[in-house]
Each structure stands twice: as C-alpha cells, then as structure tokens.
C-alpha cells in the first residue's frame, strides 16, 4: 500500500492482528521493508505490524535530496497519523535507529518501547566522507557496485556464504 505524507509517497505494509499493539519496523540504509520478513513472521501473531520503505528506498518515492533525519522521523509520524496509530513499539536498524532517536525526542509519548540496533547518534568527519563517496557512487552507477563492500562491513565471511546473505545482497543491489 502507499500513502502520501510530507509531500512524498511512502510504501508500507500492514501485518498481524488488528487491535493488537502496534510494532513499527524501520530498515537500514540501502534496504527495504523486506529485510524484516523473518521478524514479521515471528511477531505477527502478537502485534499489528507496520513495515515501510523510507523515502528514496524500495517502492517509496525518491524526491530530490537532501534528506534529513528530522525529515525521515516526520515521515514516520505522518504515516502513524495517516494510519491512526496512537502508540507503538518501534524497531530501527542503523539509520532506522537514528530515526528512532529523533522520534523519541520529537514525540516520546507515542512510543512504548524502542529497539535501536547498530546505530549511532553522530557521524565523524571520516565517516561523513565515506558516506559522501557511497552516495556519489550510488547516484552515478546505482547500488550494485556497493554490494560487496556493504556485505563485507555488515557480515562475517562465513555468513556471507549463506542463502540469507544472498537475499540481503539482492535487496541492496535492487
């Protein structure tokens, strides 16, 4: 499904039991809501789940950059408003966790609990340069040239040989 929020169109999926507590999944950079499929399967019997593609990712629109963390947090709050979600649990990975930090500061009463995994609160000048280079490559050549390096940073050599890792690599590439 898609919703128009904050001047852009966001793709989202709803899973689980209507009337159950809400659980929102926010993906990492270069991924989509698909990355949460195993967790959705594990939690759908106890929660009403919202998994979405953040702007510029997957099936969501990619309006002109730059995007800020505040803007991405506002997208989540607007999507919650659109779907009439009063309170929710929130799980964010990497940039999804950074978005969660902004959500906790902007509207703490909306969130029961948060799991913010593999995330930080600032970037060093060196890290910013690395991100700028990755952005340059993605804009010029797409995501495929970034897959190998991303997989090497994220996973051990043995895990990179598994079928699950191959699925993750496909998510990043596409």
C-alpha atoms as a PDB file:
ATOM      1  CA  UNK A   1       0.000   0.000   0.000  1.00  0.00           C
ATOM      2  CA  UNK A   2       1.069   3.617  -0.390  1.00  0.00           C
ATOM      3  CA  UNK A   3       0.308   6.809   1.492  1.00  0.00           C
ATOM      4  CA  UNK A   4       1.079  10.413   0.597  1.00  0.00           C
ATOM      5  CA  UNK A   5       2.805  12.010   3.598  1.00  0.00           C
ATOM      6  CA  UNK A   6       5.036  15.072   3.919  1.00  0.00           C
ATOM      7  CA  UNK A   7       4.893  15.691   0.186  1.00  0.00           C
ATOM      8  CA  UNK A   8       6.073  12.226  -0.817  1.00  0.00           C
ATOM      9  CA  UNK A   9       4.605   8.786  -1.345  1.00  0.00           C
ATOM     10  CA  UNK A  10       5.664   6.066   1.097  1.00  0.00           C
ATOM     11  CA  UNK A  11       5.180   2.360   0.547  1.00  0.00           C
ATOM     12  CA  UNK A  12       4.077   0.400   3.594  1.00  0.00           C
ATOM     13  CA  UNK A  13       2.760  -2.997   4.602  1.00  0.00           C
ATOM     14  CA  UNK A  14       0.469  -3.992   7.444  1.00  0.00           C
ATOM     15  CA  UNK A  15       0.691  -7.432   9.026  1.00  0.00           C
ATOM     16  CA  UNK A  16      -0.639  -9.180  12.074  1.00  0.00           C
ATOM     17  CA  UNK A  17      -3.684  -8.934  14.262  1.00  0.00           C
ATOM     18  CA  UNK A  18      -5.992  -5.944  14.073  1.00  0.00           C
ATOM     19  CA  UNK A  19      -6.476  -4.445  17.513  1.00  0.00           C
ATOM     20  CA  UNK A  20      -3.134  -5.784  18.784  1.00  0.00           C
ATOM     21  CA  UNK A  21      -0.381  -3.407  19.965  1.00  0.00           C
ATOM     22  CA  UNK A  22       1.437  -1.688  17.094  1.00  0.00           C
ATOM     23  CA  UNK A  23       5.031  -2.566  16.171  1.00  0.00           C
ATOM     24  CA  UNK A  24       6.856  -0.428  13.596  1.00  0.00           C
ATOM     25  CA  UNK A  25       9.927  -1.708  11.726  1.00  0.00           C
ATOM     26  CA  UNK A  26      12.321   0.837  10.154  1.00  0.00           C
ATOM     27  CA  UNK A  27      15.027  -0.593   7.889  1.00  0.00           C
ATOM     28  CA  UNK A  28      18.701   0.231   7.399  1.00  0.00           C
ATOM     29  CA  UNK A  29      20.148   2.292   4.577  1.00  0.00           C
ATOM     30  CA  UNK A  30      20.099   0.544   1.189  1.00  0.00           C
ATOM     31  CA  UNK A  31      17.392  -1.907   2.289  1.00  0.00           C
ATOM     32  CA  UNK A  32      13.604  -2.064   2.299  1.00  0.00           C
ATOM     33  CA  UNK A  33      10.778  -3.371   4.459  1.00  0.00           C
ATOM     34  CA  UNK A  34      11.631  -6.811   3.014  1.00  0.00           C
ATOM     35  CA  UNK A  35      14.599  -7.033   5.391  1.00  0.00           C
ATOM     36  CA  UNK A  36      12.114  -7.503   8.245  1.00  0.00           C
ATOM     37  CA  UNK A  37      10.296 -10.524   6.771  1.00  0.00           C
ATOM     38  CA  UNK A  38      11.689 -13.012   9.345  1.00  0.00           C
ATOM     39  CA  UNK A  39      10.790 -10.701  12.241  1.00  0.00           C
ATOM     40  CA  UNK A  40       7.334 -10.036  10.801  1.00  0.00           C
ATOM     41  CA  UNK A  41       6.727 -13.789  10.674  1.00  0.00           C
ATOM     42  CA  UNK A  42       7.859 -14.125  14.300  1.00  0.00           C
ATOM     43  CA  UNK A  43       5.778 -11.245  15.702  1.00  0.00           C
ATOM     44  CA  UNK A  44       2.629 -11.145  13.561  1.00  0.00           C
ATOM     45  CA  UNK A  45       0.589 -13.295  15.958  1.00  0.00           C
ATOM     46  CA  UNK A  46       1.075 -10.817  18.829  1.00  0.00           C
ATOM     47  CA  UNK A  47       1.309  -7.406  17.129  1.00  0.00           C
ATOM     48  CA  UNK A  48      -0.177  -5.249  14.396  1.00  0.00           C
ATOM     49  CA  UNK A  49       2.920  -4.543  12.326  1.00  0.00           C
ATOM     50  CA  UNK A  50       3.801  -1.580  10.130  1.00  0.00           C
ATOM     51  CA  UNK A  51       6.851  -2.087   7.920  1.00  0.00           C
ATOM     52  CA  UNK A  52       7.628   0.673   5.444  1.00  0.00           C
ATOM     53  CA  UNK A  53      10.169   1.743   2.826  1.00  0.00           C
ATOM     54  CA  UNK A  54      11.647   5.091   3.818  1.00  0.00           C
ATOM     55  CA  UNK A  55      11.769   7.812   1.175  1.00  0.00           C
ATOM     56  CA  UNK A  56      14.328   7.071  -1.519  1.00  0.00           C
ATOM     57  CA  UNK A  57      14.168   3.322  -0.870  1.00  0.00           C
ATOM     58  CA  UNK A  58      12.310   0.393  -2.385  1.00  0.00           C
ATOM     59  CA  UNK A  59       8.807   1.189  -3.551  1.00  0.00           C
ATOM     60  CA  UNK A  60       8.635   4.619  -1.896  1.00  0.00           C
ATOM     61  CA  UNK A  61       9.123   7.755  -3.948  1.00  0.00           C
ATOM     62  CA  UNK A  62      12.574   9.319  -4.171  1.00  0.00           C
ATOM     63  CA  UNK A  63      12.050  13.086  -4.149  1.00  0.00           C
ATOM     64  CA  UNK A  64      15.040  15.364  -4.589  1.00  0.00           C
ATOM     65  CA  UNK A  65      17.633  15.115  -1.832  1.00  0.00           C
ATOM     66  CA  UNK A  66      18.940  16.035   0.657  1.00  0.00           C
ATOM     67  CA  UNK A  67      17.022  14.082   3.258  1.00  0.00           C
ATOM     68  CA  UNK A  68      17.487  14.827   6.935  1.00  0.00           C
ATOM     69  CA  UNK A  69      16.921  12.563   9.912  1.00  0.00           C
ATOM     70  CA  UNK A  70      14.311  15.017  11.140  1.00  0.00           C
ATOM     71  CA  UNK A  71      12.505  14.711   7.785  1.00  0.00           C
ATOM     72  CA  UNK A  72      12.635  10.909   7.954  1.00  0.00           C
ATOM     73  CA  UNK A  73      11.276  10.996  11.527  1.00  0.00           C
ATOM     74  CA  UNK A  74       8.499  13.335  10.399  1.00  0.00           C
ATOM     75  CA  UNK A  75       7.646  10.793   7.691  1.00  0.00           C
ATOM     76  CA  UNK A  76       7.133   8.111  10.364  1.00  0.00           C
ATOM     77  CA  UNK A  77       4.963  10.404  12.489  1.00  0.00           C
ATOM     78  CA  UNK A  78       2.900  11.407   9.445  1.00  0.00           C
ATOM     79  CA  UNK A  79       2.463   7.764   8.455  1.00  0.00           C
ATOM     80  CA  UNK A  80       1.357   6.980  12.019  1.00  0.00           C
ATOM     81  CA  UNK A  81      -1.169   9.809  11.803  1.00  0.00           C
ATOM     82  CA  UNK A  82      -2.419   8.612   8.411  1.00  0.00           C
ATOM     83  CA  UNK A  83      -2.922   5.090   9.787  1.00  0.00           C
ATOM     84  CA  UNK A  84      -4.353   6.352  13.103  1.00  0.00           C
ATOM     85  CA  UNK A  85      -1.597   4.766  15.182  1.00  0.00           C
ATOM     86  CA  UNK A  86      -1.689   6.424  18.601  1.00  0.00           C
ATOM     87  CA  UNK A  87       1.154   4.497  20.269  1.00  0.00           C
ATOM     88  CA  UNK A  88       3.601   1.895  19.028  1.00  0.00           C
ATOM     89  CA  UNK A  89       6.680  -0.116  19.775  1.00  0.00           C
ATOM     90  CA  UNK A  90       9.488   0.827  17.374  1.00  0.00           C
ATOM     91  CA  UNK A  91      12.400  -1.197  15.989  1.00  0.00           C
ATOM     92  CA  UNK A  92      15.040   0.549  13.895  1.00  0.00           C
ATOM     93  CA  UNK A  93      18.265  -0.774  12.420  1.00  0.00           C
ATOM     94  CA  UNK A  94      21.173   1.549  11.580  1.00  0.00           C
ATOM     95  CA  UNK A  95      19.605   4.674  10.039  1.00  0.00           C
ATOM     96  CA  UNK A  96      16.256   3.298  11.220  1.00  0.00           C
ATOM     97  CA  UNK A  97      17.683   3.518  14.735  1.00  0.00           C
ATOM     98  CA  UNK A  98      18.858   7.072  14.129  1.00  0.00           C
ATOM     99  CA  UNK A  99      15.321   7.921  13.029  1.00  0.00           C
ATOM    100  CA  UNK A 100      14.099   6.308  16.244  1.00  0.00           C
ATOM    101  CA  UNK A 101      16.306   8.635  18.291  1.00  0.00           C
ATOM    102  CA  UNK A 102      14.687  11.624  16.603  1.00  0.00           C
ATOM    103  CA  UNK A 103      11.234  10.151  17.195  1.00  0.00           C
ATOM    104  CA  UNK A 104      11.992   9.680  20.894  1.00  0.00           C
ATOM    105  CA  UNK A 105      12.979  13.343  21.170  1.00  0.00           C
ATOM    106  CA  UNK A 106      10.172  14.733  18.985  1.00  0.00           C
ATOM    107  CA  UNK A 107       7.228  12.774  20.375  1.00  0.00           C
ATOM    108  CA  UNK A 108       8.263  10.426  23.211  1.00  0.00           C
ATOM    109  CA  UNK A 109       4.694   9.762  24.330  1.00  0.00           C
ATOM    110  CA  UNK A 110       3.908   7.976  21.065  1.00  0.00           C
ATOM    111  CA  UNK A 111       6.318   5.109  21.712  1.00  0.00           C
ATOM    112  CA  UNK A 112       6.020   2.330  24.301  1.00  0.00           C
ATOM    113  CA  UNK A 113       9.483   0.866  23.755  1.00  0.00           C
ATOM    114  CA  UNK A 114      12.251   1.200  21.210  1.00  0.00           C
ATOM    115  CA  UNK A 115      14.904  -1.182  19.975  1.00  0.00           C
ATOM    116  CA  UNK A 116      17.602   0.830  18.198  1.00  0.00           C
ATOM    117  CA  UNK A 117      20.143  -1.621  16.820  1.00  0.00           C
ATOM    118  CA  UNK A 118      23.539  -0.997  15.225  1.00  0.00           C
ATOM    119  CA  UNK A 119      23.029   2.745  15.307  1.00  0.00           C
ATOM    120  CA  UNK A 120      24.838   5.853  16.457  1.00  0.00           C
ATOM    121  CA  UNK A 121      23.978   9.390  17.373  1.00  0.00           C
ATOM    122  CA  UNK A 122      26.657  11.291  15.434  1.00  0.00           C
ATOM    123  CA  UNK A 123      28.997  10.903  12.496  1.00  0.00           C
ATOM    124  CA  UNK A 124      32.725  11.654  12.471  1.00  0.00           C
ATOM    125  CA  UNK A 125      34.216  13.692   9.607  1.00  0.00           C
ATOM    126  CA  UNK A 126      35.846  10.483   8.327  1.00  0.00           C
ATOM    127  CA  UNK A 127      32.529   8.617   8.365  1.00  0.00           C
ATOM    128  CA  UNK A 128      30.797  11.501   6.588  1.00  0.00           C
ATOM    129  CA  UNK A 129      33.423  11.364   3.814  1.00  0.00           C
ATOM    130  CA  UNK A 130      32.820   7.626   3.424  1.00  0.00           C
ATOM    131  CA  UNK A 131      29.065   8.209   3.156  1.00  0.00           C
ATOM    132  CA  UNK A 132      29.560  11.009   0.624  1.00  0.00           C
ATOM    133  CA  UNK A 133      31.631   8.649  -1.531  1.00  0.00           C
ATOM    134  CA  UNK A 134      28.974   5.917  -1.326  1.00  0.00           C
ATOM    135  CA  UNK A 135      26.288   8.437  -2.247  1.00  0.00           C
ATOM    136  CA  UNK A 136      28.353   9.598  -5.226  1.00  0.00           C
ATOM    137  CA  UNK A 137      28.753   6.003  -6.446  1.00  0.00           C
ATOM    138  CA  UNK A 138      25.057   5.200  -5.943  1.00  0.00           C
ATOM    139  CA  UNK A 139      23.987   8.311  -7.853  1.00  0.00           C
ATOM    140  CA  UNK A 140      26.373   7.634 -10.727  1.00  0.00           C
ATOM    141  CA  UNK A 141      26.193   3.841 -11.000  1.00  0.00           C
ATOM    142  CA  UNK A 142      23.342   2.564  -8.842  1.00  0.00           C
ATOM    143  CA  UNK A 143      23.640   0.278  -5.840  1.00  0.00           C
ATOM    144  CA  UNK A 144      25.248  -2.792  -7.419  1.00  0.00           C
ATOM    145  CA  UNK A 145      28.852  -1.510  -7.085  1.00  0.00           C
ATOM    146  CA  UNK A 146      28.278  -1.035  -3.344  1.00  0.00           C
ATOM    147  CA  UNK A 147      27.030  -4.537  -2.567  1.00  0.00           C
ATOM    148  CA  UNK A 148      30.362  -6.289  -1.945  1.00  0.00           C
ATOM    149  CA  UNK A 149      31.757  -3.627   0.380  1.00  0.00           C
ATOM    150  CA  UNK A 150      28.486  -3.371   2.274  1.00  0.00           C
ATOM    151  CA  UNK A 151      28.279  -7.119   2.773  1.00  0.00           C
ATOM    152  CA  UNK A 152      31.913  -7.203   3.961  1.00  0.00           C
ATOM    153  CA  UNK A 153      31.227  -4.459   6.527  1.00  0.00           C
ATOM    154  CA  UNK A 154      27.993  -5.982   7.778  1.00  0.00           C
ATOM    155  CA  UNK A 155      28.705  -9.723   7.922  1.00  0.00           C
ATOM    156  CA  UNK A 156      31.334 -12.342   8.684  1.00  0.00           C
ATOM    157  CA  UNK A 157      32.893 -14.315   5.814  1.00  0.00           C
ATOM    158  CA  UNK A 158      31.024 -17.499   6.785  1.00  0.00           C
ATOM    159  CA  UNK A 159      27.628 -15.754   6.925  1.00  0.00           C
ATOM    160  CA  UNK A 160      28.205 -14.147   3.518  1.00  0.00           C
ATOM    161  CA  UNK A 161      28.086 -17.652   2.024  1.00  0.00           C
ATOM    162  CA  UNK A 162      24.588 -18.429   3.334  1.00  0.00           C
ATOM    163  CA  UNK A 163      21.309 -18.218   1.398  1.00  0.00           C
ATOM    164  CA  UNK A 164      20.138 -15.468   3.784  1.00  0.00           C
ATOM    165  CA  UNK A 165      23.153 -13.341   2.873  1.00  0.00           C
ATOM    166  CA  UNK A 166      22.427 -13.793  -0.823  1.00  0.00           C
ATOM    167  CA  UNK A 167      18.894 -12.435  -0.246  1.00  0.00           C
ATOM    168  CA  UNK A 168      20.293  -9.434   1.614  1.00  0.00           C
ATOM    169  CA  UNK A 169      22.762  -8.754  -1.202  1.00  0.00           C
ATOM    170  CA  UNK A 170      19.855  -8.799  -3.671  1.00  0.00           C
ATOM    171  CA  UNK A 171      17.932  -6.309  -1.514  1.00  0.00           C
ATOM    172  CA  UNK A 172      20.896  -3.939  -1.501  1.00  0.00           C
ATOM    173  CA  UNK A 173      21.549  -4.283  -5.227  1.00  0.00           C
ATOM    174  CA  UNK A 174      17.969  -3.593  -6.209  1.00  0.00           C
END
